[in-house]
Protein backbone atom coordinates (compact mmCIF):
# COMPACT_ATOMS: atom_id res chain seq x y z
CA MET A 1 -42.20 -77.85 63.90
CA SER A 2 -43.86 -79.53 66.84
CA SER A 3 -42.05 -79.72 70.16
CA GLU A 4 -42.33 -83.52 69.89
CA ILE A 5 -39.14 -83.60 67.79
CA THR A 6 -36.24 -81.88 69.49
CA ARG A 7 -33.44 -84.14 68.27
CA ILE A 8 -32.88 -85.37 64.72
CA PHE A 9 -30.20 -87.74 63.57
CA VAL A 10 -28.90 -86.44 60.24
CA ASP A 11 -27.67 -89.01 57.75
CA SER A 12 -24.73 -88.28 55.47
CA SER A 13 -27.04 -88.13 52.44
CA ILE A 14 -28.51 -84.89 53.83
CA LEU A 15 -25.03 -83.41 54.31
CA VAL A 16 -23.77 -84.52 50.89
CA GLU A 17 -26.79 -83.14 49.03
CA PHE A 18 -26.43 -79.89 50.99
CA LYS A 19 -22.77 -79.68 49.98
CA LYS A 20 -23.63 -80.37 46.34
CA ARG A 21 -26.36 -77.70 46.60
CA SER A 22 -28.76 -80.14 44.98
CA ARG A 23 -31.15 -80.54 47.93
CA PRO A 24 -30.28 -78.00 50.64
CA GLU A 25 -33.83 -77.10 51.75
CA LEU A 26 -34.30 -79.69 54.49
CA LEU A 27 -31.07 -78.91 56.34
CA LEU A 28 -31.65 -75.18 55.91
CA HIS A 29 -35.11 -75.67 57.43
CA PHE A 30 -33.63 -77.52 60.42
CA LEU A 31 -31.21 -74.66 60.99
CA THR A 32 -34.10 -72.22 61.48
CA PHE A 33 -34.95 -73.94 64.79
CA PRO A 34 -32.36 -72.93 67.39
CA ASN A 35 -33.56 -75.51 69.93
CA LEU A 36 -33.35 -78.42 67.50
CA GLU A 37 -30.41 -80.69 68.22
CA LEU A 38 -28.88 -82.10 65.03
CA LEU A 39 -27.01 -85.33 65.65
CA VAL A 40 -24.53 -87.44 63.71
CA ASN A 41 -22.13 -90.25 64.57
CA PRO A 42 -18.56 -90.95 63.42
CA ILE A 43 -19.92 -93.03 60.51
CA VAL A 44 -21.75 -89.98 59.14
CA LEU A 45 -18.63 -87.83 59.55
CA SER A 46 -16.61 -90.41 57.64
CA GLU A 47 -19.16 -90.79 54.85
CA TYR A 48 -19.55 -87.02 54.47
CA THR A 49 -15.83 -86.29 54.26
CA PHE A 50 -15.36 -89.21 51.86
CA TYR A 51 -17.89 -87.60 49.49
CA LEU A 52 -16.43 -84.15 50.17
CA LEU A 53 -13.10 -85.36 48.78
CA ALA A 54 -14.85 -86.65 45.65
CA ILE A 55 -16.95 -83.51 45.17
CA GLU A 56 -14.13 -81.02 45.68
CA GLY A 57 -11.43 -83.17 44.06
CA GLU A 58 -13.67 -83.95 41.08
CA LYS A 59 -12.40 -87.54 41.08
CA SER A 60 -12.53 -90.59 43.30
CA PRO A 61 -11.37 -90.21 46.90
CA ARG A 62 -8.66 -92.82 46.19
CA SER A 63 -7.37 -90.65 43.31
CA VAL A 64 -7.47 -87.59 45.56
CA LYS A 65 -5.34 -89.46 48.09
CA GLU A 66 -2.90 -90.70 45.46
CA SER A 67 -2.43 -87.18 44.12
CA GLN A 68 -1.78 -85.86 47.65
CA GLU A 69 -4.74 -83.44 47.49
CA ILE A 70 -6.51 -84.23 50.77
CA ARG A 71 -4.82 -81.44 52.73
CA HIS A 72 -5.51 -78.90 49.98
CA ILE A 73 -9.19 -79.86 49.79
CA LEU A 74 -9.67 -79.71 53.56
CA ASP A 75 -7.76 -76.43 53.83
CA HIS A 76 -9.85 -74.93 51.04
CA ASP A 77 -13.24 -76.26 52.15
CA GLN A 78 -12.64 -75.95 55.92
CA PRO A 79 -15.40 -78.40 56.92
CA GLU A 80 -14.85 -77.87 60.66
CA GLU A 81 -17.27 -74.94 60.88
CA PHE A 82 -20.01 -76.77 59.00
CA LEU A 83 -19.56 -80.02 60.93
CA SER A 84 -19.53 -78.19 64.28
CA ILE A 85 -23.27 -77.56 63.77
CA PHE A 86 -23.83 -81.22 64.66
CA LYS A 87 -23.45 -83.04 67.96
CA VAL A 88 -21.47 -86.24 67.46
CA LEU A 89 -22.92 -89.23 69.28
CA GLN A 90 -20.40 -91.73 70.57
CA ASN A 91 -21.13 -95.41 70.91
CA GLY A 92 -19.46 -98.00 73.07
CA ASN A 93 -19.41 -101.77 72.88
CA GLU A 94 -23.15 -101.92 73.51
CA ILE A 95 -23.68 -101.06 69.85
CA ILE A 96 -22.14 -104.32 68.62
CA PRO A 97 -25.05 -106.71 69.20
CA LEU A 98 -27.58 -104.02 68.29
CA TYR A 99 -26.13 -103.13 64.90
CA LEU A 100 -25.60 -106.79 64.00
CA ARG A 101 -29.24 -107.46 64.93
CA MET A 102 -30.31 -104.51 62.72
CA MET A 103 -28.26 -105.88 59.82
CA ARG A 104 -29.89 -109.30 60.16
CA ARG A 105 -33.43 -108.11 60.78
CA TYR A 106 -33.63 -105.40 58.11
CA ASN A 107 -30.96 -106.49 55.61
CA LEU A 108 -28.98 -103.28 56.24
CA LEU A 109 -25.42 -102.60 55.24
CA PRO A 110 -23.08 -102.00 58.21
CA ASN A 111 -23.03 -98.18 58.09
CA ASP A 112 -26.82 -97.95 57.86
CA ALA A 113 -27.20 -100.40 60.74
CA LEU A 114 -24.74 -98.34 62.80
CA ILE A 115 -26.73 -95.17 62.07
CA LEU A 116 -30.02 -96.76 63.08
CA SER A 117 -28.41 -98.32 66.16
CA SER A 118 -27.06 -94.93 67.22
CA CYS A 119 -30.61 -93.60 67.07
CA LYS A 120 -31.85 -96.45 69.25
CA LEU A 121 -29.02 -96.24 71.78
CA HIS A 122 -29.40 -92.50 72.22
CA ASN A 123 -33.22 -92.45 72.18
CA VAL A 124 -33.40 -90.37 69.02
CA ASN A 125 -36.85 -90.73 67.48
CA ALA A 126 -36.23 -89.00 64.13
CA LEU A 127 -33.85 -89.78 61.27
CA ALA A 128 -33.37 -87.38 58.37
CA THR A 129 -32.12 -89.11 55.24
CA PHE A 130 -32.56 -89.11 51.50
CA ASP A 131 -31.87 -92.87 51.47
CA LYS A 132 -35.51 -93.89 51.86
CA THR A 133 -35.09 -97.41 50.51
CA ASP A 134 -32.41 -98.21 53.09
CA PHE A 135 -34.37 -97.06 56.11
CA THR A 136 -38.15 -97.16 55.48
CA GLN A 137 -38.95 -100.58 56.92
CA ALA A 138 -36.39 -100.40 59.70
CA CYS A 139 -37.53 -96.98 60.90
CA GLN A 140 -41.15 -98.05 60.85
CA MET A 141 -40.42 -101.20 62.85
CA GLU A 142 -38.12 -99.37 65.29
CA ASN A 143 -40.59 -96.49 65.81
CA ILE A 144 -38.26 -93.85 64.38
CA ARG A 145 -39.76 -91.06 62.28
CA LEU A 146 -38.20 -91.00 58.81
CA ILE A 147 -37.76 -87.46 57.51
CA GLN A 148 -36.95 -86.90 53.84
CA ASP A 149 -38.77 -83.66 53.23
CA ILE A 150 -40.07 -80.70 55.19
CA SER A 151 -43.56 -82.15 54.75
CA ASP A 152 -42.50 -85.19 56.83
CA LEU A 153 -42.14 -82.99 59.91
CA PRO A 154 -44.97 -82.77 62.40
CA GLY A 155 -47.26 -79.73 62.13
């Protein structure tokens, strides 16, 4: 991987597919580069753990909650070690007008606009996601490299 990308924002779709073992290759590839900084924000943490409850509980997260299984799932899965691989970007009030502008301009849902806005606020020029339809136009217009596959990485 070229030295031009040293920081990649990792969308929850990458984490979820890794957890499901359905598409682990891209994240595994990232992990082979010790100087690559993998970034998330609290939205990605929330989305990942929401899907973790569904995957491990084998039912909806609401049903997992109602059956009092959240603690058991988290104790069994122990996501802290996995999630500690990522640096969590924090956003302040400056994100409010930016994410609302992103929603308007690119017809993005709130979480996707918050993810893209985190990239912009923290000068992250690469976004890894399997949600191509949500981010293609916005990433192109905002000059953020969209990475969905190892082949999308620079030489």
